[in-house]
Amino acid sequence: MAVSAAARWCFGIGAAVCIAAMLGHELLGGTKVLDPLHRVDLPADVVWLHHFSWHVGSIALVAMAAMFVAATRKPEHLILAGFATAINAGFAVLGASLAVFGNAALWSTPAPYPWTLSAAFGAAGIYLARRDSRV
């Protein structure tokens, strides 16, 4: 049995959101966030650990996009969409929690938002795939 067209669309949008977020993260965010770290008096290990962590986020976005794409191919790959959705939801909760309990300035950045959108499309895709596989 194939993955339904509606589920494929949701997973495709979830993947597209992840890729768009990764590109924005690397191309726009890096210069805004990483470059200033070299102009302040922070120890080198702190600066470079932040660089490492920043790029780990980009790798996670690409991995989640790949999981969503894989879920469009075969119903047995639906578990990958589940993982990608759970990770996105976790990152969304993290971003919102840091904005609420850490510093509200985070709301003015993209940090809390793309995760929520991608998680919503992933959840919708999983629902549709499971519903349509029972018909």
Protein backbone atom coordinates (compact mmCIF):
# COMPACT_ATOMS: atom_id res chain seq x y z
CA MET A 1 0.00 0.00 0.00
CA ALA A 2 1.26 3.51 -0.83
CA VAL A 3 1.38 6.60 1.35
CA SER A 4 -1.66 8.76 0.58
CA ALA A 5 -1.23 11.91 -1.48
CA ALA A 6 -2.48 14.09 1.38
CA ALA A 7 0.09 12.59 3.78
CA ARG A 8 2.84 13.01 1.18
CA TRP A 9 1.93 16.69 0.83
CA CYS A 10 2.09 17.21 4.60
CA PHE A 11 5.45 15.45 4.87
CA GLY A 12 6.74 17.40 1.88
CA ILE A 13 5.74 20.69 3.47
CA GLY A 14 7.31 19.59 6.76
CA ALA A 15 10.53 18.79 4.89
CA ALA A 16 10.42 22.11 3.00
CA VAL A 17 10.01 24.02 6.27
CA CYS A 18 13.05 22.19 7.68
CA ILE A 19 15.17 22.99 4.62
CA ALA A 20 14.05 26.64 4.54
CA ALA A 21 14.82 26.95 8.25
CA MET A 22 18.24 25.37 7.75
CA LEU A 23 19.09 27.75 4.90
CA GLY A 24 17.94 30.77 6.90
CA HIS A 25 19.78 29.46 9.94
CA GLU A 26 23.07 29.08 8.10
CA LEU A 27 22.92 31.97 5.62
CA LEU A 28 21.26 34.66 7.69
CA GLY A 29 21.48 33.58 11.29
CA GLY A 30 25.14 32.65 11.28
CA THR A 31 26.27 36.17 10.46
CA LYS A 32 23.89 37.66 13.02
CA VAL A 33 24.72 35.25 15.84
CA LEU A 34 28.11 33.64 15.27
CA ASP A 35 30.13 36.57 13.91
CA PRO A 36 29.51 38.83 16.94
CA LEU A 37 30.86 36.15 19.25
CA HIS A 38 34.33 36.83 17.86
CA ARG A 39 34.07 40.50 18.81
CA VAL A 40 33.38 39.99 22.51
CA ASP A 41 35.64 38.85 25.28
CA LEU A 42 34.62 35.22 25.57
CA PRO A 43 36.96 32.26 25.95
CA ALA A 44 37.68 30.50 22.65
CA ASP A 45 36.16 27.24 23.87
CA VAL A 46 32.84 29.01 24.55
CA VAL A 47 32.84 30.64 21.11
CA TRP A 48 33.68 27.46 19.26
CA LEU A 49 31.30 25.30 21.27
CA HIS A 50 28.57 27.74 20.20
CA HIS A 51 29.71 27.35 16.58
CA PHE A 52 29.54 23.58 16.94
CA SER A 53 26.07 23.70 18.53
CA TRP A 54 24.84 26.11 15.87
CA HIS A 55 25.79 23.75 13.06
CA VAL A 56 24.39 20.72 14.91
CA GLY A 57 21.02 22.48 14.62
CA SER A 58 21.47 22.72 10.86
CA ILE A 59 22.38 19.04 10.61
CA ALA A 60 19.30 18.16 12.68
CA LEU A 61 17.12 20.14 10.27
CA VAL A 62 18.52 18.30 7.25
CA ALA A 63 18.08 14.95 9.02
CA MET A 64 14.46 15.76 9.87
CA ALA A 65 13.79 16.81 6.27
CA ALA A 66 15.26 13.50 5.09
CA MET A 67 13.02 11.59 7.52
CA PHE A 68 9.94 13.37 6.21
CA VAL A 69 10.96 12.66 2.61
CA ALA A 70 11.55 8.99 3.42
CA ALA A 71 8.05 8.82 4.93
CA THR A 72 6.59 9.92 1.59
CA ARG A 73 8.07 6.85 -0.12
CA LYS A 74 6.87 3.85 1.87
CA PRO A 75 4.30 3.33 4.63
CA GLU A 76 6.88 1.42 6.68
CA HIS A 77 8.93 4.62 6.86
CA LEU A 78 6.12 6.37 8.72
CA ILE A 79 8.09 5.83 11.94
CA LEU A 80 10.70 8.25 10.57
CA ALA A 81 8.05 10.94 10.22
CA GLY A 82 7.14 10.19 13.83
CA PHE A 83 10.72 10.79 14.94
CA ALA A 84 11.02 13.98 12.88
CA THR A 85 7.71 15.25 14.26
CA ALA A 86 8.73 14.47 17.85
CA ILE A 87 12.09 16.21 17.46
CA ASN A 88 10.44 19.27 15.89
CA ALA A 89 7.85 19.34 18.68
CA GLY A 90 10.61 19.10 21.28
CA PHE A 91 12.52 21.96 19.69
CA ALA A 92 9.29 24.01 19.57
CA VAL A 93 8.72 23.44 23.29
CA LEU A 94 12.35 24.31 23.99
CA GLY A 95 12.14 27.57 22.01
CA ALA A 96 8.88 28.63 23.62
CA SER A 97 10.08 27.63 27.10
CA LEU A 98 13.28 29.62 26.75
CA ALA A 99 11.28 32.62 25.54
CA VAL A 100 8.82 32.35 28.44
CA PHE A 101 11.14 31.34 31.26
CA GLY A 102 14.49 32.62 29.99
CA ASN A 103 14.17 35.85 28.03
CA ALA A 104 11.22 37.17 26.02
CA ALA A 105 13.71 38.56 23.48
CA LEU A 106 13.70 35.10 21.92
CA TRP A 107 10.15 35.74 20.61
CA SER A 108 11.64 38.36 18.27
CA THR A 109 13.85 35.72 16.63
CA PRO A 110 12.81 32.82 14.39
CA ALA A 111 13.86 30.31 17.07
CA PRO A 112 10.43 29.31 18.46
CA TYR A 113 8.51 29.22 15.18
CA PRO A 114 9.59 26.90 12.32
CA TRP A 115 9.69 23.87 14.62
CA THR A 116 6.03 24.32 15.48
CA LEU A 117 5.04 24.56 11.83
CA SER A 118 7.03 21.52 10.78
CA ALA A 119 5.75 19.49 13.75
CA ALA A 120 2.16 20.40 12.86
CA PHE A 121 2.57 19.26 9.26
CA GLY A 122 4.34 16.10 10.41
CA ALA A 123 1.53 15.29 12.84
CA ALA A 124 -1.08 15.95 10.16
CA GLY A 125 0.80 13.70 7.73
CA ILE A 126 1.00 10.89 10.26
CA TYR A 127 -2.70 11.20 11.02
CA LEU A 128 -3.60 11.17 7.32
CA ALA A 129 -1.28 8.27 6.52
CA ARG A 130 -2.69 6.16 9.32
CA ARG A 131 -6.30 7.11 8.54
CA ASP A 132 -5.90 6.42 4.83
CA SER A 133 -4.16 3.08 5.42
CA ARG A 134 -7.23 1.83 7.29
CA VAL A 135 -9.69 2.67 4.51
